[in-house]
Amino acid sequence: MKNPATEADIAAVTALVKSAGTSFYYGMKILPAPRRDAMYSVYAFCRVVDDIADEPGSFAEKHAALDEWRARLAALFRGEASEAIGRTLLGPIREYGLREADFRAVIDGMEMDAGAPIIAPPMAELDLYCDRVAAAVGRLSIRIFGEPSSTGQALAHALGRALQLTNILRDVGEDAARGRIYLPREYLDEAGIPPDPATLLGQPGLPAVCARLADLAETYFAQAHAAMAACARAGNARAMRPARLMAASYRPLLKQLRQQHFDYTGRPARLPKWRKLALTARLLLP
């Protein structure tokens, strides 16, 4: 059965990705067109369900909207789709063996954010959150990249956590302003920091807590690079280019945060756009 997606569907999904204003649109251009379009479709799915969790509304309303996407997923895996994102996903699901469980995990992760604000979750809950909102996306992505092996799965496990922990560390100040704390409760308890977003940024022990979480992120980056190297040795170096780009785009943020002593009162740590484009250009080379 052919992919029922029309050119208009593909254009709509591509426009959604481009309008997000992230480096993802350009970064994925290092992929061959079919894999690039598949990644755009996965990103569009993630963006839509993330918007449901982030937009104003009651938990009941958000839960209902996310449940609607669960129903759409079930239909997708029966080969049925009624809107652009779904139609553009039908082909990649068949072609790359994408798993329904990973799509569902992404929705479950967004639902964790849709309810009461997350405030200092236990480490096990934080790890589950990272698995759902990041590693599950990695498990989908690694199949599209062409590395569905157990080593590829290990890469998704480690890199997803590394990227999400980096996001958490980058956004500590913004999250506290929104009444959220994604730092693990155990780390805060051991530092004598109360789980209160209103007072978090003024706590003298906060930099040490963040440095500890940055160490964990670095451990996951190291595991991810080891998995990428193993895939390259197995003859699939080209498939690792997008993963290398993502790691190279995020890991320097940890260095910036350390240099700023995890001070969230000034300008947030960000990788300059020129550097992101330079990384992309470098990975386009053979």
Protein backbone atom coordinates (compact mmCIF):
# COMPACT_ATOMS: atom_id res chain seq x y z
CA MET A 1 0.00 0.00 0.00
CA LYS A 2 1.36 3.40 -0.97
CA ASN A 3 1.74 6.27 1.45
CA PRO A 4 -1.54 8.21 1.07
CA ALA A 5 0.12 11.50 2.04
CA THR A 6 -0.33 14.20 -0.58
CA GLU A 7 2.15 16.89 -1.50
CA ALA A 8 -0.08 19.31 0.39
CA ASP A 9 0.17 17.12 3.52
CA ILE A 10 3.96 17.01 3.30
CA ALA A 11 4.10 20.77 2.72
CA ALA A 12 1.84 21.42 5.72
CA VAL A 13 3.98 19.27 8.02
CA THR A 14 7.20 20.84 6.73
CA ALA A 15 5.76 24.32 7.30
CA LEU A 16 4.79 23.39 10.86
CA VAL A 17 8.33 22.22 11.58
CA LYS A 18 9.89 25.30 10.00
CA SER A 19 7.57 27.65 11.89
CA ALA A 20 8.69 26.17 15.21
CA GLY A 21 11.75 28.39 14.98
CA THR A 22 14.23 25.74 16.14
CA SER A 23 17.37 24.40 14.47
CA PHE A 24 15.63 21.05 13.94
CA TYR A 25 14.30 22.01 10.50
CA TYR A 26 17.79 22.72 9.15
CA GLY A 27 19.53 20.00 11.15
CA MET A 28 17.44 17.24 9.62
CA LYS A 29 18.37 18.40 6.13
CA ILE A 30 21.49 16.27 6.46
CA LEU A 31 19.19 13.24 5.95
CA PRO A 32 18.03 11.83 2.61
CA ALA A 33 14.61 13.25 1.68
CA PRO A 34 12.47 10.23 2.71
CA ARG A 35 14.11 10.02 6.14
CA ARG A 36 14.06 13.80 6.54
CA ASP A 37 10.33 13.94 5.80
CA ALA A 38 9.74 11.07 8.23
CA MET A 39 11.57 12.99 10.96
CA TYR A 40 9.54 16.09 10.19
CA SER A 41 6.36 14.03 10.64
CA VAL A 42 7.53 12.66 13.99
CA TYR A 43 8.49 16.18 15.09
CA ALA A 44 5.10 17.53 14.01
CA PHE A 45 3.35 14.84 16.05
CA CYS A 46 5.48 15.68 19.10
CA ARG A 47 4.91 19.39 18.63
CA VAL A 48 1.14 19.05 18.44
CA VAL A 49 0.82 16.90 21.56
CA ASP A 50 3.31 19.12 23.41
CA ASP A 51 1.19 22.16 22.54
CA ILE A 52 -1.83 20.40 24.04
CA ALA A 53 0.03 20.01 27.33
CA ASP A 54 1.36 23.58 27.34
CA GLU A 55 -1.70 25.53 26.24
CA PRO A 56 -4.20 26.96 28.75
CA GLY A 57 -7.05 24.69 29.77
CA SER A 58 -8.14 22.25 32.43
CA PHE A 59 -6.48 18.88 32.89
CA ALA A 60 -9.74 17.23 31.82
CA GLU A 61 -9.68 19.14 28.53
CA LYS A 62 -6.04 18.32 27.91
CA HIS A 63 -6.54 14.67 28.86
CA ALA A 64 -9.42 14.44 26.38
CA ALA A 65 -7.33 16.00 23.60
CA LEU A 66 -4.43 13.65 24.30
CA ASP A 67 -6.82 10.71 24.39
CA GLU A 68 -8.02 11.76 20.95
CA TRP A 69 -4.45 11.41 19.74
CA ARG A 70 -4.21 7.98 21.35
CA ALA A 71 -7.26 7.00 19.30
CA ARG A 72 -5.65 8.45 16.17
CA LEU A 73 -2.54 6.40 16.88
CA ALA A 74 -4.57 3.22 17.16
CA ALA A 75 -6.13 4.05 13.80
CA LEU A 76 -2.71 4.80 12.30
CA PHE A 77 -1.47 1.37 13.24
CA ARG A 78 -4.52 -0.08 11.51
CA GLY A 79 -3.46 1.84 8.41
CA GLU A 80 -6.02 4.65 8.75
CA ALA A 81 -5.43 8.41 8.92
CA SER A 82 -7.72 11.40 8.60
CA GLU A 83 -5.39 14.42 8.87
CA ALA A 84 -2.04 15.59 7.47
CA ILE A 85 0.29 14.50 10.27
CA GLY A 86 -1.28 11.05 10.40
CA ARG A 87 -1.16 10.60 6.64
CA THR A 88 2.51 11.57 6.53
CA LEU A 89 3.26 9.09 9.34
CA LEU A 90 1.64 6.07 7.66
CA GLY A 91 4.54 5.54 5.26
CA PRO A 92 7.34 5.87 7.86
CA ILE A 93 5.50 3.54 10.25
CA ARG A 94 5.58 0.83 7.59
CA GLU A 95 8.97 1.67 6.10
CA TYR A 96 10.97 2.01 9.31
CA GLY A 97 9.04 -0.19 11.72
CA LEU A 98 8.07 2.65 14.06
CA ARG A 99 6.38 1.33 17.19
CA GLU A 100 3.05 2.45 18.58
CA ALA A 101 4.37 2.07 22.13
CA ASP A 102 6.94 4.80 21.52
CA PHE A 103 4.35 7.23 20.16
CA ARG A 104 2.13 6.45 23.15
CA ALA A 105 5.02 7.03 25.53
CA VAL A 106 5.43 10.54 24.11
CA ILE A 107 1.75 11.26 24.79
CA ASP A 108 2.08 9.83 28.31
CA GLY A 109 5.04 12.15 28.91
CA MET A 110 3.08 15.17 27.74
CA GLU A 111 0.24 14.15 30.03
CA MET A 112 2.65 14.28 32.98
CA ASP A 113 3.10 17.98 32.13
CA ALA A 114 -0.59 18.61 31.50
CA GLY A 115 -1.76 18.24 35.09
CA ALA A 116 -0.56 19.89 38.28
CA PRO A 117 2.88 21.50 37.91
CA ILE A 118 5.76 19.07 38.33
CA ILE A 119 7.65 20.08 41.47
CA ALA A 120 10.82 18.22 42.46
CA PRO A 121 9.89 14.72 41.27
CA PRO A 122 11.63 11.69 42.78
CA MET A 123 14.54 10.55 40.60
CA ALA A 124 12.64 7.50 39.36
CA GLU A 125 9.76 9.71 38.21
CA LEU A 126 12.16 12.17 36.58
CA ASP A 127 13.81 9.31 34.70
CA LEU A 128 10.40 8.08 33.52
CA TYR A 129 9.57 11.61 32.37
CA CYS A 130 12.86 11.84 30.44
CA ASP A 131 12.23 8.44 28.88
CA ARG A 132 8.77 9.43 27.69
CA VAL A 133 9.38 12.94 26.38
CA ALA A 134 12.90 12.41 25.01
CA ALA A 135 14.15 8.82 24.82
CA ALA A 136 10.89 7.62 23.23
CA VAL A 137 11.41 10.23 20.50
CA GLY A 138 14.94 8.88 20.19
CA ARG A 139 13.65 5.35 19.74
CA LEU A 140 11.46 6.54 16.88
CA SER A 141 14.27 8.62 15.40
CA ILE A 142 16.94 5.95 15.52
CA ARG A 143 14.79 3.66 13.39
CA ILE A 144 14.33 6.42 10.84
CA PHE A 145 18.08 7.06 10.85
CA GLY A 146 18.56 3.39 9.92
CA GLU A 147 19.90 1.92 13.16
CA PRO A 148 17.16 -0.18 14.84
CA SER A 149 19.75 -2.43 16.52
CA SER A 150 20.15 -2.90 20.26
CA THR A 151 23.07 -0.45 20.09
CA GLY A 152 20.75 2.06 18.46
CA GLN A 153 18.25 1.54 21.27
CA ALA A 154 21.02 2.10 23.82
CA LEU A 155 21.87 5.34 22.02
CA ALA A 156 18.26 6.52 22.21
CA HIS A 157 18.15 5.65 25.92
CA ALA A 158 21.30 7.62 26.76
CA LEU A 159 21.05 10.54 24.35
CA GLY A 160 17.39 11.17 25.14
CA ARG A 161 18.18 11.48 28.82
CA ALA A 162 21.27 13.61 28.18
CA LEU A 163 19.32 16.06 26.04
CA GLN A 164 16.35 16.30 28.39
CA LEU A 165 18.49 16.78 31.50
CA THR A 166 20.33 19.54 29.62
CA ASN A 167 16.99 21.14 28.78
CA ILE A 168 15.99 20.96 32.43
CA LEU A 169 19.24 22.59 33.56
CA ARG A 170 18.98 25.30 30.91
CA ASP A 171 15.41 26.16 31.92
CA VAL A 172 15.62 26.08 35.73
CA GLY A 173 14.89 29.81 35.95
CA GLU A 174 12.06 29.82 33.41
CA ASP A 175 10.48 26.75 34.98
CA ALA A 176 10.63 28.23 38.48
CA ALA A 177 8.83 31.32 37.18
CA ARG A 178 6.09 28.99 35.89
CA GLY A 179 5.83 27.27 39.28
CA ARG A 180 7.75 24.16 38.23
CA ILE A 181 10.88 22.38 39.43
CA TYR A 182 12.23 19.46 37.43
CA LEU A 183 15.31 18.95 39.62
CA PRO A 184 15.14 15.61 41.49
CA ARG A 185 13.75 15.72 45.00
CA GLU A 186 16.59 13.61 46.39
CA TYR A 187 19.18 16.16 45.25
CA LEU A 188 17.22 19.05 46.76
CA ASP A 189 16.63 17.20 50.04
CA GLU A 190 20.32 16.37 50.42
CA ALA A 191 21.20 20.03 49.78
CA GLY A 192 18.59 21.24 52.27
CA ILE A 193 16.63 23.08 49.59
CA PRO A 194 12.84 23.23 50.02
CA PRO A 195 10.86 22.31 46.88
CA ASP A 196 9.44 25.80 46.48
CA PRO A 197 9.67 27.42 43.01
CA ALA A 198 9.26 30.89 44.55
CA THR A 199 12.48 30.61 46.59
CA LEU A 200 14.50 28.17 44.48
CA LEU A 201 16.72 30.64 42.63
CA GLY A 202 17.86 32.29 45.85
CA GLN A 203 19.01 29.06 47.47
CA PRO A 204 22.82 28.99 47.97
CA GLY A 205 22.89 25.23 47.42
CA LEU A 206 21.24 25.39 43.98
CA PRO A 207 24.48 25.52 41.92
CA ALA A 208 25.74 22.34 43.58
CA VAL A 209 22.46 20.56 42.85
CA CYS A 210 22.60 21.66 39.23
CA ALA A 211 26.25 20.65 38.92
CA ARG A 212 25.33 17.20 40.21
CA LEU A 213 22.58 16.84 37.61
CA ALA A 214 24.98 18.13 34.94
CA ASP A 215 27.38 15.34 35.92
CA LEU A 216 24.59 12.83 35.30
CA ALA A 217 23.87 14.41 31.92
CA GLU A 218 27.57 14.17 31.03
CA THR A 219 27.51 10.48 31.94
CA TYR A 220 24.62 9.95 29.52
CA PHE A 221 26.40 11.95 26.80
CA ALA A 222 29.45 9.71 27.24
CA GLN A 223 27.26 6.60 26.95
CA ALA A 224 25.61 8.05 23.85
CA HIS A 225 28.96 8.77 22.19
CA ALA A 226 30.11 5.23 22.96
CA ALA A 227 26.96 3.87 21.29
CA MET A 228 27.48 6.15 18.27
CA ALA A 229 31.06 4.93 17.95
CA ALA A 230 29.89 1.31 18.10
CA CYS A 231 27.34 1.96 15.35
CA ALA A 232 30.03 3.64 13.25
CA ARG A 233 32.37 0.67 13.70
CA ALA A 234 29.54 -1.57 12.53
CA GLY A 235 29.46 0.39 9.27
CA ASN A 236 26.60 2.78 9.96
CA ALA A 237 28.49 6.02 10.56
CA ARG A 238 26.29 8.02 8.18
CA ALA A 239 23.15 7.09 10.14
CA MET A 240 24.75 8.61 13.24
CA ARG A 241 25.06 12.11 11.75
CA PRO A 242 21.76 13.44 13.13
CA ALA A 243 22.49 12.03 16.59
CA ARG A 244 25.98 13.53 16.52
CA LEU A 245 24.46 16.88 15.55
CA MET A 246 22.00 16.80 18.44
CA ALA A 247 24.71 15.88 20.93
CA ALA A 248 27.05 18.57 19.57
CA SER A 249 24.27 21.17 19.77
CA TYR A 250 23.38 20.45 23.39
CA ARG A 251 26.54 19.35 25.18
CA PRO A 252 28.18 22.81 24.98
CA LEU A 253 25.22 24.19 26.94
CA LEU A 254 26.41 22.24 29.98
CA LYS A 255 29.79 23.96 29.70
CA GLN A 256 28.09 27.36 29.46
CA LEU A 257 25.94 26.64 32.49
CA ARG A 258 28.97 25.59 34.51
CA GLN A 259 30.85 28.73 33.45
CA GLN A 260 27.85 30.77 34.62
CA HIS A 261 27.91 28.83 37.91
CA PHE A 262 24.29 27.89 37.27
CA ASP A 263 23.22 31.48 37.86
CA TYR A 264 19.75 31.91 36.37
CA THR A 265 19.38 35.62 37.02
CA GLY A 266 21.11 36.69 33.79
CA ARG A 267 20.82 35.77 30.13
CA PRO A 268 19.85 32.11 29.59
CA ALA A 269 22.49 29.80 28.14
CA ARG A 270 21.94 29.28 24.43
CA LEU A 271 24.06 27.95 21.58
CA PRO A 272 24.44 30.77 19.01
CA LYS A 273 22.67 30.16 15.71
CA TRP A 274 25.91 30.54 13.76
CA ARG A 275 27.41 27.69 15.74
CA LYS A 276 24.41 25.45 15.10
CA LEU A 277 24.70 26.14 11.38
CA ALA A 278 28.44 25.46 11.49
CA LEU A 279 27.80 22.11 13.17
CA THR A 280 25.26 21.21 10.49
CA ALA A 281 27.67 22.18 7.72
CA ARG A 282 30.44 20.11 9.27
CA LEU A 283 28.22 17.04 9.41
CA LEU A 284 27.28 17.46 5.76
CA LEU A 285 30.87 16.67 4.85
CA PRO A 286 31.64 13.03 3.96
